PDB file of N, CA and C in Angstrom:
ATOM      1  N   MET A   1     -50.398 -28.323 -84.147  1.00  0.00           N
ATOM      2  CA  MET A   1     -49.501 -29.408 -83.833  1.00  0.00           C
ATOM      3  C   MET A   1     -50.094 -30.223 -82.681  1.00  0.00           C
ATOM      4  N   ASN A   2     -50.048 -31.533 -82.803  1.00  0.00           N
ATOM      5  CA  ASN A   2     -50.514 -32.408 -81.730  1.00  0.00           C
ATOM      6  C   ASN A   2     -49.454 -32.503 -80.645  1.00  0.00           C
ATOM      7  N   THR A   3     -49.913 -32.552 -79.408  1.00  0.00           N
ATOM      8  CA  THR A   3     -48.998 -32.726 -78.292  1.00  0.00           C
ATOM      9  C   THR A   3     -48.460 -34.149 -78.295  1.00  0.00           C
ATOM     10  N   ILE A   4     -47.170 -34.273 -78.097  1.00  0.00           N
ATOM     11  CA  ILE A   4     -46.535 -35.585 -77.956  1.00  0.00           C
ATOM     12  C   ILE A   4     -46.397 -35.838 -76.466  1.00  0.00           C
ATOM     13  N   ARG A   5     -47.031 -36.889 -76.004  1.00  0.00           N
ATOM     14  CA  ARG A   5     -46.996 -37.215 -74.579  1.00  0.00           C
ATOM     15  C   ARG A   5     -46.033 -38.374 -74.335  1.00  0.00           C
ATOM     16  N   CYS A   6     -45.119 -38.146 -73.406  1.00  0.00           N
ATOM     17  CA  CYS A   6     -44.149 -39.168 -73.010  1.00  0.00           C
ATOM     18  C   CYS A   6     -44.306 -39.391 -71.516  1.00  0.00           C
ATOM     19  N   ARG A   7     -43.935 -40.562 -71.092  1.00  0.00           N
ATOM     20  CA  ARG A   7     -43.877 -40.762 -69.646  1.00  0.00           C
ATOM     21  C   ARG A   7     -42.542 -41.382 -69.285  1.00  0.00           C
ATOM     22  N   ILE A   8     -42.179 -41.235 -68.046  1.00  0.00           N
ATOM     23  CA  ILE A   8     -40.901 -41.732 -67.541  1.00  0.00           C
ATOM     24  C   ILE A   8     -41.153 -42.894 -66.599  1.00  0.00           C
ATOM     25  N   LYS A   9     -40.371 -43.943 -66.764  1.00  0.00           N
ATOM     26  CA  LYS A   9     -40.398 -45.079 -65.846  1.00  0.00           C
ATOM     27  C   LYS A   9     -39.010 -45.183 -65.229  1.00  0.00           C
ATOM     28  N   GLU A  10     -38.942 -44.953 -63.923  1.00  0.00           N
ATOM     29  CA  GLU A  10     -37.665 -45.028 -63.212  1.00  0.00           C
ATOM     30  C   GLU A  10     -37.345 -46.460 -62.808  1.00  0.00           C
ATOM     31  N   ASN A  11     -36.063 -46.721 -62.584  1.00  0.00           N
ATOM     32  CA  ASN A  11     -35.573 -48.033 -62.135  1.00  0.00           C
ATOM     33  C   ASN A  11     -36.061 -49.169 -63.033  1.00  0.00           C
ATOM     34  N   SER A  12     -36.040 -48.926 -64.318  1.00  0.00           N
ATOM     35  CA  SER A  12     -36.530 -49.891 -65.293  1.00  0.00           C
ATOM     36  C   SER A  12     -35.520 -51.014 -65.522  1.00  0.00           C
ATOM     37  N   ARG A  13     -36.017 -52.223 -65.561  1.00  0.00           N
ATOM     38  CA  ARG A  13     -35.147 -53.369 -65.874  1.00  0.00           C
ATOM     39  C   ARG A  13     -34.626 -53.286 -67.301  1.00  0.00           C
ATOM     40  N   LEU A  14     -35.451 -52.761 -68.205  1.00  0.00           N
ATOM     41  CA  LEU A  14     -35.004 -52.606 -69.595  1.00  0.00           C
ATOM     42  C   LEU A  14     -33.834 -51.628 -69.682  1.00  0.00           C
ATOM     43  N   ALA A  15     -33.925 -50.526 -68.957  1.00  0.00           N
ATOM     44  CA  ALA A  15     -32.835 -49.552 -68.955  1.00  0.00           C
ATOM     45  C   ALA A  15     -31.611 -50.111 -68.231  1.00  0.00           C
ATOM     46  N   ARG A  16     -31.837 -50.946 -67.244  1.00  0.00           N
ATOM     47  CA  ARG A  16     -30.711 -51.588 -66.556  1.00  0.00           C
ATOM     48  C   ARG A  16     -29.938 -52.476 -67.531  1.00  0.00           C
ATOM     49  N   LEU A  17     -30.660 -53.202 -68.357  1.00  0.00           N
ATOM     50  CA  LEU A  17     -30.030 -54.039 -69.374  1.00  0.00           C
ATOM     51  C   LEU A  17     -29.239 -53.173 -70.362  1.00  0.00           C
ATOM     52  N   ALA A  18     -29.810 -52.037 -70.745  1.00  0.00           N
ATOM     53  CA  ALA A  18     -29.112 -51.121 -71.656  1.00  0.00           C
ATOM     54  C   ALA A  18     -27.832 -50.593 -71.012  1.00  0.00           C
ATOM     55  N   ALA A  19     -27.896 -50.237 -69.734  1.00  0.00           N
ATOM     56  CA  ALA A  19     -26.712 -49.746 -69.026  1.00  0.00           C
ATOM     57  C   ALA A  19     -25.625 -50.812 -69.016  1.00  0.00           C
ATOM     58  N   TRP A  20     -26.021 -52.044 -68.773  1.00  0.00           N
ATOM     59  CA  TRP A  20     -25.059 -53.148 -68.768  1.00  0.00           C
ATOM     60  C   TRP A  20     -24.429 -53.312 -70.148  1.00  0.00           C
ATOM     61  N   LYS A  21     -25.264 -53.312 -71.186  1.00  0.00           N
ATOM     62  CA  LYS A  21     -24.778 -53.501 -72.556  1.00  0.00           C
ATOM     63  C   LYS A  21     -23.830 -52.374 -72.965  1.00  0.00           C
ATOM     64  N   LEU A  22     -24.149 -51.149 -72.550  1.00  0.00           N
ATOM     65  CA  LEU A  22     -23.324 -49.995 -72.902  1.00  0.00           C
ATOM     66  C   LEU A  22     -22.195 -49.758 -71.897  1.00  0.00           C
ATOM     67  N   LYS A  23     -22.095 -50.659 -70.919  1.00  0.00           N
ATOM     68  CA  LYS A  23     -21.047 -50.598 -69.898  1.00  0.00           C
ATOM     69  C   LYS A  23     -21.056 -49.277 -69.131  1.00  0.00           C
ATOM     70  N   GLY A  24     -22.270 -48.841 -68.765  1.00  0.00           N
ATOM     71  CA  GLY A  24     -22.416 -47.607 -68.008  1.00  0.00           C
ATOM     72  C   GLY A  24     -23.136 -47.853 -66.693  1.00  0.00           C
ATOM     73  N   SER A  25     -23.114 -46.868 -65.833  1.00  0.00           N
ATOM     74  CA  SER A  25     -23.797 -47.007 -64.543  1.00  0.00           C
ATOM     75  C   SER A  25     -25.261 -46.609 -64.629  1.00  0.00           C
ATOM     76  N   GLY A  26     -25.610 -45.880 -65.665  1.00  0.00           N
ATOM     77  CA  GLY A  26     -26.991 -45.453 -65.843  1.00  0.00           C
ATOM     78  C   GLY A  26     -27.328 -45.374 -67.314  1.00  0.00           C
ATOM     79  N   ALA A  27     -28.619 -45.402 -67.587  1.00  0.00           N
ATOM     80  CA  ALA A  27     -29.043 -45.351 -68.989  1.00  0.00           C
ATOM     81  C   ALA A  27     -30.487 -44.906 -69.090  1.00  0.00           C
ATOM     82  N   ALA A  28     -30.815 -44.454 -70.275  1.00  0.00           N
ATOM     83  CA  ALA A  28     -32.203 -44.215 -70.662  1.00  0.00           C
ATOM     84  C   ALA A  28     -32.405 -44.960 -71.970  1.00  0.00           C
ATOM     85  N   ILE A  29     -33.567 -45.566 -72.103  1.00  0.00           N
ATOM     86  CA  ILE A  29     -33.915 -46.261 -73.338  1.00  0.00           C
ATOM     87  C   ILE A  29     -35.407 -46.050 -73.564  1.00  0.00           C
ATOM     88  N   VAL A  30     -35.779 -45.877 -74.802  1.00  0.00           N
ATOM     89  CA  VAL A  30     -37.168 -45.563 -75.136  1.00  0.00           C
ATOM     90  C   VAL A  30     -37.832 -46.754 -75.804  1.00  0.00           C
ATOM     91  N   PHE A  31     -39.050 -47.042 -75.371  1.00  0.00           N
ATOM     92  CA  PHE A  31     -39.927 -47.994 -76.046  1.00  0.00           C
ATOM     93  C   PHE A  31     -41.265 -47.292 -76.223  1.00  0.00           C
ATOM     94  N   GLY A  32     -41.584 -46.979 -77.471  1.00  0.00           N
ATOM     95  CA  GLY A  32     -42.823 -46.258 -77.743  1.00  0.00           C
ATOM     96  C   GLY A  32     -42.741 -44.847 -77.203  1.00  0.00           C
ATOM     97  N   ASN A  33     -43.645 -44.516 -76.289  1.00  0.00           N
ATOM     98  CA  ASN A  33     -43.636 -43.172 -75.702  1.00  0.00           C
ATOM     99  C   ASN A  33     -43.160 -43.187 -74.248  1.00  0.00           C
ATOM    100  N   VAL A  34     -42.518 -44.278 -73.845  1.00  0.00           N
ATOM    101  CA  VAL A  34     -42.034 -44.405 -72.468  1.00  0.00           C
ATOM    102  C   VAL A  34     -40.510 -44.321 -72.450  1.00  0.00           C
ATOM    103  N   ILE A  35     -40.005 -43.400 -71.642  1.00  0.00           N
ATOM    104  CA  ILE A  35     -38.567 -43.258 -71.442  1.00  0.00           C
ATOM    105  C   ILE A  35     -38.219 -44.029 -70.178  1.00  0.00           C
ATOM    106  N   HIS A  36     -37.492 -45.117 -70.342  1.00  0.00           N
ATOM    107  CA  HIS A  36     -37.101 -45.983 -69.228  1.00  0.00           C
ATOM    108  C   HIS A  36     -35.750 -45.506 -68.697  1.00  0.00           C
ATOM    109  N   LEU A  37     -35.659 -45.332 -67.387  1.00  0.00           N
ATOM    110  CA  LEU A  37     -34.428 -44.867 -66.750  1.00  0.00           C
ATOM    111  C   LEU A  37     -33.881 -45.912 -65.797  1.00  0.00           C
ATOM    112  N   TYR A  38     -32.560 -45.948 -65.704  1.00  0.00           N
ATOM    113  CA  TYR A  38     -31.898 -46.766 -64.691  1.00  0.00           C
ATOM    114  C   TYR A  38     -30.627 -46.027 -64.262  1.00  0.00           C
ATOM    115  N   GLY A  39     -30.404 -45.961 -62.962  1.00  0.00           N
ATOM    116  CA  GLY A  39     -29.191 -45.344 -62.440  1.00  0.00           C
ATOM    117  C   GLY A  39     -29.202 -43.827 -62.476  1.00  0.00           C
ATOM    118  N   VAL A  40     -30.345 -43.253 -62.784  1.00  0.00           N
ATOM    119  CA  VAL A  40     -30.507 -41.799 -62.787  1.00  0.00           C
ATOM    120  C   VAL A  40     -31.934 -41.502 -62.333  1.00  0.00           C
ATOM    121  N   SER A  41     -32.085 -40.490 -61.516  1.00  0.00           N
ATOM    122  CA  SER A  41     -33.426 -40.131 -61.052  1.00  0.00           C
ATOM    123  C   SER A  41     -34.162 -39.347 -62.131  1.00  0.00           C
ATOM    124  N   ARG A  42     -35.453 -39.316 -62.000  1.00  0.00           N
ATOM    125  CA  ARG A  42     -36.287 -38.521 -62.907  1.00  0.00           C
ATOM    126  C   ARG A  42     -35.820 -37.062 -62.914  1.00  0.00           C
ATOM    127  N   GLY A  43     -35.587 -36.517 -61.717  1.00  0.00           N
ATOM    128  CA  GLY A  43     -35.170 -35.123 -61.604  1.00  0.00           C
ATOM    129  C   GLY A  43     -33.837 -34.849 -62.278  1.00  0.00           C
ATOM    130  N   ASP A  44     -32.866 -35.725 -62.056  1.00  0.00           N
ATOM    131  CA  ASP A  44     -31.555 -35.543 -62.685  1.00  0.00           C
ATOM    132  C   ASP A  44     -31.646 -35.688 -64.200  1.00  0.00           C
ATOM    133  N   PHE A  45     -32.465 -36.630 -64.655  1.00  0.00           N
ATOM    134  CA  PHE A  45     -32.661 -36.795 -66.095  1.00  0.00           C
ATOM    135  C   PHE A  45     -33.266 -35.531 -66.695  1.00  0.00           C
ATOM    136  N   LEU A  46     -34.353 -35.039 -66.095  1.00  0.00           N
ATOM    137  CA  LEU A  46     -35.039 -33.860 -66.636  1.00  0.00           C
ATOM    138  C   LEU A  46     -34.174 -32.601 -66.580  1.00  0.00           C
ATOM    139  N   ALA A  47     -33.228 -32.558 -65.650  1.00  0.00           N
ATOM    140  CA  ALA A  47     -32.321 -31.411 -65.555  1.00  0.00           C
ATOM    141  C   ALA A  47     -31.262 -31.421 -66.659  1.00  0.00           C
ATOM    142  N   ASN A  48     -31.073 -32.561 -67.291  1.00  0.00           N
ATOM    143  CA  ASN A  48     -30.084 -32.706 -68.356  1.00  0.00           C
ATOM    144  C   ASN A  48     -30.799 -32.543 -69.705  1.00  0.00           C
ATOM    145  N   VAL A  49     -31.004 -31.299 -70.098  1.00  0.00           N
ATOM    146  CA  VAL A  49     -31.839 -30.993 -71.271  1.00  0.00           C
ATOM    147  C   VAL A  49     -31.347 -31.674 -72.551  1.00  0.00           C
ATOM    148  N   PRO A  50     -30.052 -31.694 -72.846  1.00  0.00           N
ATOM    149  CA  PRO A  50     -29.637 -32.408 -74.061  1.00  0.00           C
ATOM    150  C   PRO A  50     -30.029 -33.887 -74.044  1.00  0.00           C
ATOM    151  N   TRP A  51     -29.933 -34.517 -72.892  1.00  0.00           N
ATOM    152  CA  TRP A  51     -30.306 -35.932 -72.775  1.00  0.00           C
ATOM    153  C   TRP A  51     -31.811 -36.108 -72.995  1.00  0.00           C
ATOM    154  N   VAL A  52     -32.596 -35.208 -72.416  1.00  0.00           N
ATOM    155  CA  VAL A  52     -34.055 -35.269 -72.613  1.00  0.00           C
ATOM    156  C   VAL A  52     -34.377 -35.104 -74.097  1.00  0.00           C
ATOM    157  N   ARG A  53     -33.741 -34.147 -74.746  1.00  0.00           N
ATOM    158  CA  ARG A  53     -33.973 -33.949 -76.182  1.00  0.00           C
ATOM    159  C   ARG A  53     -33.637 -35.211 -76.970  1.00  0.00           C
ATOM    160  N   HIS A  54     -32.531 -35.846 -76.619  1.00  0.00           N
ATOM    161  CA  HIS A  54     -32.101 -37.078 -77.288  1.00  0.00           C
ATOM    162  C   HIS A  54     -33.182 -38.153 -77.187  1.00  0.00           C
ATOM    163  N   GLU A  55     -33.664 -38.383 -75.979  1.00  0.00           N
ATOM    164  CA  GLU A  55     -34.659 -39.444 -75.783  1.00  0.00           C
ATOM    165  C   GLU A  55     -36.002 -39.075 -76.406  1.00  0.00           C
ATOM    166  N   VAL A  56     -36.388 -37.813 -76.345  1.00  0.00           N
ATOM    167  CA  VAL A  56     -37.636 -37.382 -76.983  1.00  0.00           C
ATOM    168  C   VAL A  56     -37.540 -37.574 -78.497  1.00  0.00           C
ATOM    169  N   CYS A  57     -36.372 -37.365 -79.055  1.00  0.00           N
ATOM    170  CA  CYS A  57     -36.189 -37.621 -80.482  1.00  0.00           C
ATOM    171  C   CYS A  57     -36.524 -39.078 -80.801  1.00  0.00           C
ATOM    172  N   HIS A  58     -36.117 -40.000 -79.934  1.00  0.00           N
ATOM    173  CA  HIS A  58     -36.457 -41.415 -80.147  1.00  0.00           C
ATOM    174  C   HIS A  58     -37.971 -41.638 -80.055  1.00  0.00           C
ATOM    175  N   VAL A  59     -38.632 -40.955 -79.142  1.00  0.00           N
ATOM    176  CA  VAL A  59     -40.099 -41.058 -79.065  1.00  0.00           C
ATOM    177  C   VAL A  59     -40.706 -40.638 -80.405  1.00  0.00           C
ATOM    178  N   LYS A  60     -40.201 -39.557 -80.962  1.00  0.00           N
ATOM    179  CA  LYS A  60     -40.699 -39.077 -82.259  1.00  0.00           C
ATOM    180  C   LYS A  60     -40.409 -40.082 -83.374  1.00  0.00           C
ATOM    181  N   GLN A  61     -39.259 -40.737 -83.294  1.00  0.00           N
ATOM    182  CA  GLN A  61     -38.923 -41.756 -84.296  1.00  0.00           C
ATOM    183  C   GLN A  61     -39.894 -42.931 -84.220  1.00  0.00           C
ATOM    184  N   TYR A  62     -40.251 -43.356 -83.019  1.00  0.00           N
ATOM    185  CA  TYR A  62     -41.265 -44.414 -82.865  1.00  0.00           C
ATOM    186  C   TYR A  62     -42.574 -43.981 -83.504  1.00  0.00           C
ATOM    187  N   ARG A  63     -42.963 -42.736 -83.283  1.00  0.00           N
ATOM    188  CA  ARG A  63     -44.223 -42.235 -83.862  1.00  0.00           C
ATOM    189  C   ARG A  63     -44.158 -42.236 -85.390  1.00  0.00           C
ATOM    190  N   LYS A  64     -43.018 -41.864 -85.919  1.00  0.00           N
ATOM    191  CA  LYS A  64     -42.860 -41.777 -87.375  1.00  0.00           C
ATOM    192  C   LYS A  64     -42.892 -43.155 -88.039  1.00  0.00           C
ATOM    193  N   TYR A  65     -42.180 -44.122 -87.474  1.00  0.00           N
ATOM    194  CA  TYR A  65     -42.012 -45.429 -88.113  1.00  0.00           C
ATOM    195  C   TYR A  65     -42.952 -46.502 -87.587  1.00  0.00           C
ATOM    196  N   GLY A  66     -43.549 -46.272 -86.428  1.00  0.00           N
ATOM    197  CA  GLY A  66     -44.349 -47.309 -85.783  1.00  0.00           C
ATOM    198  C   GLY A  66     -43.462 -48.143 -84.874  1.00  0.00           C
ATOM    199  N   PHE A  67     -44.075 -48.711 -83.843  1.00  0.00           N
ATOM    200  CA  PHE A  67     -43.320 -49.398 -82.794  1.00  0.00           C
ATOM    201  C   PHE A  67     -42.436 -50.510 -83.352  1.00  0.00           C
ATOM    202  N   TRP A  68     -43.040 -51.488 -83.999  1.00  0.00           N
ATOM    203  CA  TRP A  68     -42.285 -52.676 -84.440  1.00  0.00           C
ATOM    204  C   TRP A  68     -41.322 -52.365 -85.578  1.00  0.00           C
ATOM    205  N   ARG A  69     -41.733 -51.500 -86.492  1.00  0.00           N
ATOM    206  CA  ARG A  69     -40.843 -51.163 -87.611  1.00  0.00           C
ATOM    207  C   ARG A  69     -39.612 -50.419 -87.098  1.00  0.00           C
ATOM    208  N   PHE A  70     -39.832 -49.475 -86.178  1.00  0.00           N
ATOM    209  CA  PHE A  70     -38.686 -48.755 -85.623  1.00  0.00           C
ATOM    210  C   PHE A  70     -37.726 -49.725 -84.944  1.00  0.00           C
ATOM    211  N   LEU A  71     -38.255 -50.614 -84.094  1.00  0.00           N
ATOM    212  CA  LEU A  71     -37.377 -51.573 -83.411  1.00  0.00           C
ATOM    213  C   LEU A  71     -36.597 -52.415 -84.411  1.00  0.00           C
ATOM    214  N   TRP A  72     -37.282 -52.894 -85.436  1.00  0.00           N
ATOM    215  CA  TRP A  72     -36.632 -53.724 -86.449  1.00  0.00           C
ATOM    216  C   TRP A  72     -35.498 -52.948 -87.139  1.00  0.00           C
ATOM    217  N   LEU A  73     -35.798 -51.735 -87.581  1.00  0.00           N
ATOM    218  CA  LEU A  73     -34.794 -50.929 -88.269  1.00  0.00           C
ATOM    219  C   LEU A  73     -33.613 -50.601 -87.353  1.00  0.00           C
ATOM    220  N   TYR A  74     -33.900 -50.296 -86.106  1.00  0.00           N
ATOM    221  CA  TYR A  74     -32.861 -49.952 -85.136  1.00  0.00           C
ATOM    222  C   TYR A  74     -31.921 -51.134 -84.913  1.00  0.00           C
ATOM    223  N   VAL A  75     -32.503 -52.296 -84.627  1.00  0.00           N
ATOM    224  CA  VAL A  75     -31.681 -53.486 -84.360  1.00  0.00           C
ATOM    225  C   VAL A  75     -30.914 -53.904 -85.616  1.00  0.00           C
ATOM    226  N   ALA A  76     -31.563 -53.820 -86.771  1.00  0.00           N
ATOM    227  CA  ALA A  76     -30.889 -54.185 -88.023  1.00  0.00           C
ATOM    228  C   ALA A  76     -29.667 -53.294 -88.251  1.00  0.00           C
ATOM    229  N   GLN A  77     -29.817 -52.001 -88.013  1.00  0.00           N
ATOM    230  CA  GLN A  77     -28.677 -51.097 -88.180  1.00  0.00           C
ATOM    231  C   GLN A  77     -27.599 -51.370 -87.141  1.00  0.00           C
ATOM    232  N   TRP A  78     -28.019 -51.643 -85.911  1.00  0.00           N
ATOM    233  CA  TRP A  78     -27.052 -51.912 -84.848  1.00  0.00           C
ATOM    234  C   TRP A  78     -26.158 -53.086 -85.232  1.00  0.00           C
ATOM    235  N   THR A  79     -26.766 -54.130 -85.770  1.00  0.00           N
ATOM    236  CA  THR A  79     -25.974 -55.312 -86.132  1.00  0.00           C
ATOM    237  C   THR A  79     -25.071 -55.039 -87.338  1.00  0.00           C
ATOM    238  N   ARG A  80     -25.494 -54.134 -88.225  1.00  0.00           N
ATOM    239  CA  ARG A  80     -24.707 -53.846 -89.431  1.00  0.00           C
ATOM    240  C   ARG A  80     -23.599 -52.822 -89.207  1.00  0.00           C
ATOM    241  N   VAL A  81     -23.919 -51.746 -88.497  1.00  0.00           N
ATOM    242  CA  VAL A  81     -22.968 -50.626 -88.425  1.00  0.00           C
ATOM    243  C   VAL A  81     -22.532 -50.262 -87.008  1.00  0.00           C
ATOM    244  N   GLY A  82     -23.089 -50.903 -85.990  1.00  0.00           N
ATOM    245  CA  GLY A  82     -22.725 -50.596 -84.614  1.00  0.00           C
ATOM    246  C   GLY A  82     -23.520 -49.427 -84.050  1.00  0.00           C
ATOM    247  N   TYR A  83     -23.606 -49.395 -82.745  1.00  0.00           N
ATOM    248  CA  TYR A  83     -24.454 -48.430 -82.032  1.00  0.00           C
ATOM    249  C   TYR A  83     -24.193 -46.983 -82.444  1.00  0.00           C
ATOM    250  N   ARG A  84     -22.944 -46.551 -82.450  1.00  0.00           N
ATOM    251  CA  ARG A  84     -22.619 -45.146 -82.717  1.00  0.00           C
ATOM    252  C   ARG A  84     -23.032 -44.695 -84.113  1.00  0.00           C
ATOM    253  N   ASN A  85     -23.128 -45.631 -85.047  1.00  0.00           N
ATOM    254  CA  ASN A  85     -23.413 -45.282 -86.438  1.00  0.00           C
ATOM    255  C   ASN A  85     -24.858 -45.510 -86.862  1.00  0.00           C
ATOM    256  N   ILE A  86     -25.716 -45.885 -85.931  1.00  0.00           N
ATOM    257  CA  ILE A  86     -27.136 -46.054 -86.252  1.00  0.00           C
ATOM    258  C   ILE A  86     -27.693 -44.683 -86.642  1.00  0.00           C
ATOM    259  N   SER A  87     -28.413 -44.620 -87.757  1.00  0.00           N
ATOM    260  CA  SER A  87     -28.943 -43.327 -88.221  1.00  0.00           C
ATOM    261  C   SER A  87     -29.854 -42.682 -87.177  1.00  0.00           C
ATOM    262  N   PHE A  88     -30.607 -43.496 -86.447  1.00  0.00           N
ATOM    263  CA  PHE A  88     -31.501 -42.961 -85.415  1.00  0.00           C
ATOM    264  C   PHE A  88     -30.704 -42.319 -84.279  1.00  0.00           C
ATOM    265  N   GLU A  89     -29.552 -42.887 -83.951  1.00  0.00           N
ATOM    266  CA  GLU A  89     -28.703 -42.307 -82.905  1.00  0.00           C
ATOM    267  C   GLU A  89     -28.036 -41.028 -83.397  1.00  0.00           C
ATOM    268  N   LYS A  90     -27.641 -41.011 -84.656  1.00  0.00           N
ATOM    269  CA  LYS A  90     -27.062 -39.782 -85.216  1.00  0.00           C
ATOM    270  C   LYS A  90     -28.082 -38.645 -85.168  1.00  0.00           C
ATOM    271  N   GLU A  91     -29.322 -38.959 -85.554  1.00  0.00           N
ATOM    272  CA  GLU A  91     -30.389 -37.952 -85.511  1.00  0.00           C
ATOM    273  C   GLU A  91     -30.636 -37.483 -84.080  1.00  0.00           C
ATOM    274  N   ALA A  92     -30.640 -38.410 -83.126  1.00  0.00           N
ATOM    275  CA  ALA A  92     -30.881 -38.058 -81.723  1.00  0.00           C
ATOM    276  C   ALA A  92     -29.735 -37.216 -81.165  1.00  0.00           C
ATOM    277  N   ARG A  93     -28.510 -37.502 -81.589  1.00  0.00           N
ATOM    278  CA  ARG A  93     -27.384 -36.677 -81.132  1.00  0.00           C
ATOM    279  C   ARG A  93     -27.505 -35.253 -81.670  1.00  0.00           C
ATOM    280  N   LEU A  94     -27.974 -35.106 -82.895  1.00  0.00           N
ATOM    281  CA  LEU A  94     -28.216 -33.759 -83.431  1.00  0.00           C
ATOM    282  C   LEU A  94     -29.334 -33.057 -82.661  1.00  0.00           C
ATOM    283  N   ALA A  95     -30.350 -33.813 -82.269  1.00  0.00           N
ATOM    284  CA  ALA A  95     -31.490 -33.250 -81.530  1.00  0.00           C
ATOM    285  C   ALA A  95     -31.069 -32.692 -80.176  1.00  0.00           C
ATOM    286  N   GLU A  96     -29.972 -33.191 -79.624  1.00  0.00           N
ATOM    287  CA  GLU A  96     -29.500 -32.718 -78.324  1.00  0.00           C
ATOM    288  C   GLU A  96     -29.249 -31.212 -78.334  1.00  0.00           C
ATOM    289  N   ARG A  97     -28.924 -30.663 -79.498  1.00  0.00           N
ATOM    290  CA  ARG A  97     -28.610 -29.229 -79.620  1.00  0.00           C
ATOM    291  C   ARG A  97     -29.750 -28.425 -80.233  1.00  0.00           C
ATOM    292  N   ASN A  98     -30.876 -29.074 -80.493  1.00  0.00           N
ATOM    293  CA  ASN A  98     -32.020 -28.415 -81.131  1.00  0.00           C
ATOM    294  C   ASN A  98     -32.910 -27.771 -80.067  1.00  0.00           C
ATOM    295  N   ALA A  99     -32.893 -26.462 -80.006  1.00  0.00           N
ATOM    296  CA  ALA A  99     -33.658 -25.732 -78.987  1.00  0.00           C
ATOM    297  C   ALA A  99     -35.159 -25.967 -79.093  1.00  0.00           C
ATOM    298  N   HIS A 100     -35.643 -26.425 -80.241  1.00  0.00           N
ATOM    299  CA  HIS A 100     -37.082 -26.627 -80.444  1.00  0.00           C
ATOM    300  C   HIS A 100     -37.506 -28.088 -80.315  1.00  0.00           C
ATOM    301  N   GLU A 101     -36.583 -28.966 -79.974  1.00  0.00           N
ATOM    302  CA  GLU A 101     -36.890 -30.402 -79.923  1.00  0.00           C
ATOM    303  C   GLU A 101     -38.018 -30.728 -78.953  1.00  0.00           C
ATOM    304  N   LEU A 102     -38.134 -29.970 -77.890  1.00  0.00           N
ATOM    305  CA  LEU A 102     -39.142 -30.268 -76.865  1.00  0.00           C
ATOM    306  C   LEU A 102     -40.432 -29.470 -77.046  1.00  0.00           C
ATOM    307  N   ASP A 103     -40.514 -28.677 -78.106  1.00  0.00           N
ATOM    308  CA  ASP A 103     -41.751 -27.932 -78.376  1.00  0.00           C
ATOM    309  C   ASP A 103     -42.891 -28.917 -78.621  1.00  0.00           C
ATOM    310  N   GLY A 104     -44.009 -28.709 -77.955  1.00  0.00           N
ATOM    311  CA  GLY A 104     -45.169 -29.574 -78.132  1.00  0.00           C
ATOM    312  C   GLY A 104     -45.046 -30.927 -77.463  1.00  0.00           C
ATOM    313  N   VAL A 105     -44.080 -31.069 -76.565  1.00  0.00           N
ATOM    314  CA  VAL A 105     -43.856 -32.342 -75.867  1.00  0.00           C
ATOM    315  C   VAL A 105     -44.246 -32.182 -74.405  1.00  0.00           C
ATOM    316  N   GLU A 106     -44.993 -33.146 -73.909  1.00  0.00           N
ATOM    317  CA  GLU A 106     -45.397 -33.176 -72.498  1.00  0.00           C
ATOM    318  C   GLU A 106     -44.829 -34.451 -71.886  1.00  0.00           C
ATOM    319  N   ILE A 107     -44.061 -34.292 -70.822  1.00  0.00           N
ATOM    320  CA  ILE A 107     -43.456 -35.441 -70.142  1.00  0.00           C
ATOM    321  C   ILE A 107     -44.089 -35.582 -68.772  1.00  0.00           C
ATOM    322  N   THR A 108     -44.657 -36.759 -68.509  1.00  0.00           N
ATOM    323  CA  THR A 108     -45.297 -37.004 -67.209  1.00  0.00           C
ATOM    324  C   THR A 108     -44.583 -38.108 -66.469  1.00  0.00           C
TER     325      THR A 108
END
C-alpha cells in the first residue's frame, strides 16, 4: 500500500470561508492533500480522531477522482441535494467510525 501524505494548514482563509458558510466558529476543508483549518488548532484537530478520519476520507476521495473532477462532483451535488446529502459527505461521516481509515496515512 502506498502511503497517503496529507498536510495541515492552520488559520486558512479557505477554511474561514467554510466556517462562515456553515455558520460555525471553526472548520476544516480539504483541497487535494491539504487539510485547511480555521478556528481550531492543529493539536485540537489531531486529538479529534473522528474529525481527522472524516477529512482524510476527503483526501482519499480527491485521489480517487482527481482534483478538478472531485470538486466538480462535490459542488454539483451540493447544489442539487444540499451539503448533508452529498455522497462524499455521507462517505466521510461513515469514515469517522472506521478504525482503519488512518492506516497508511501520514499527516505533516
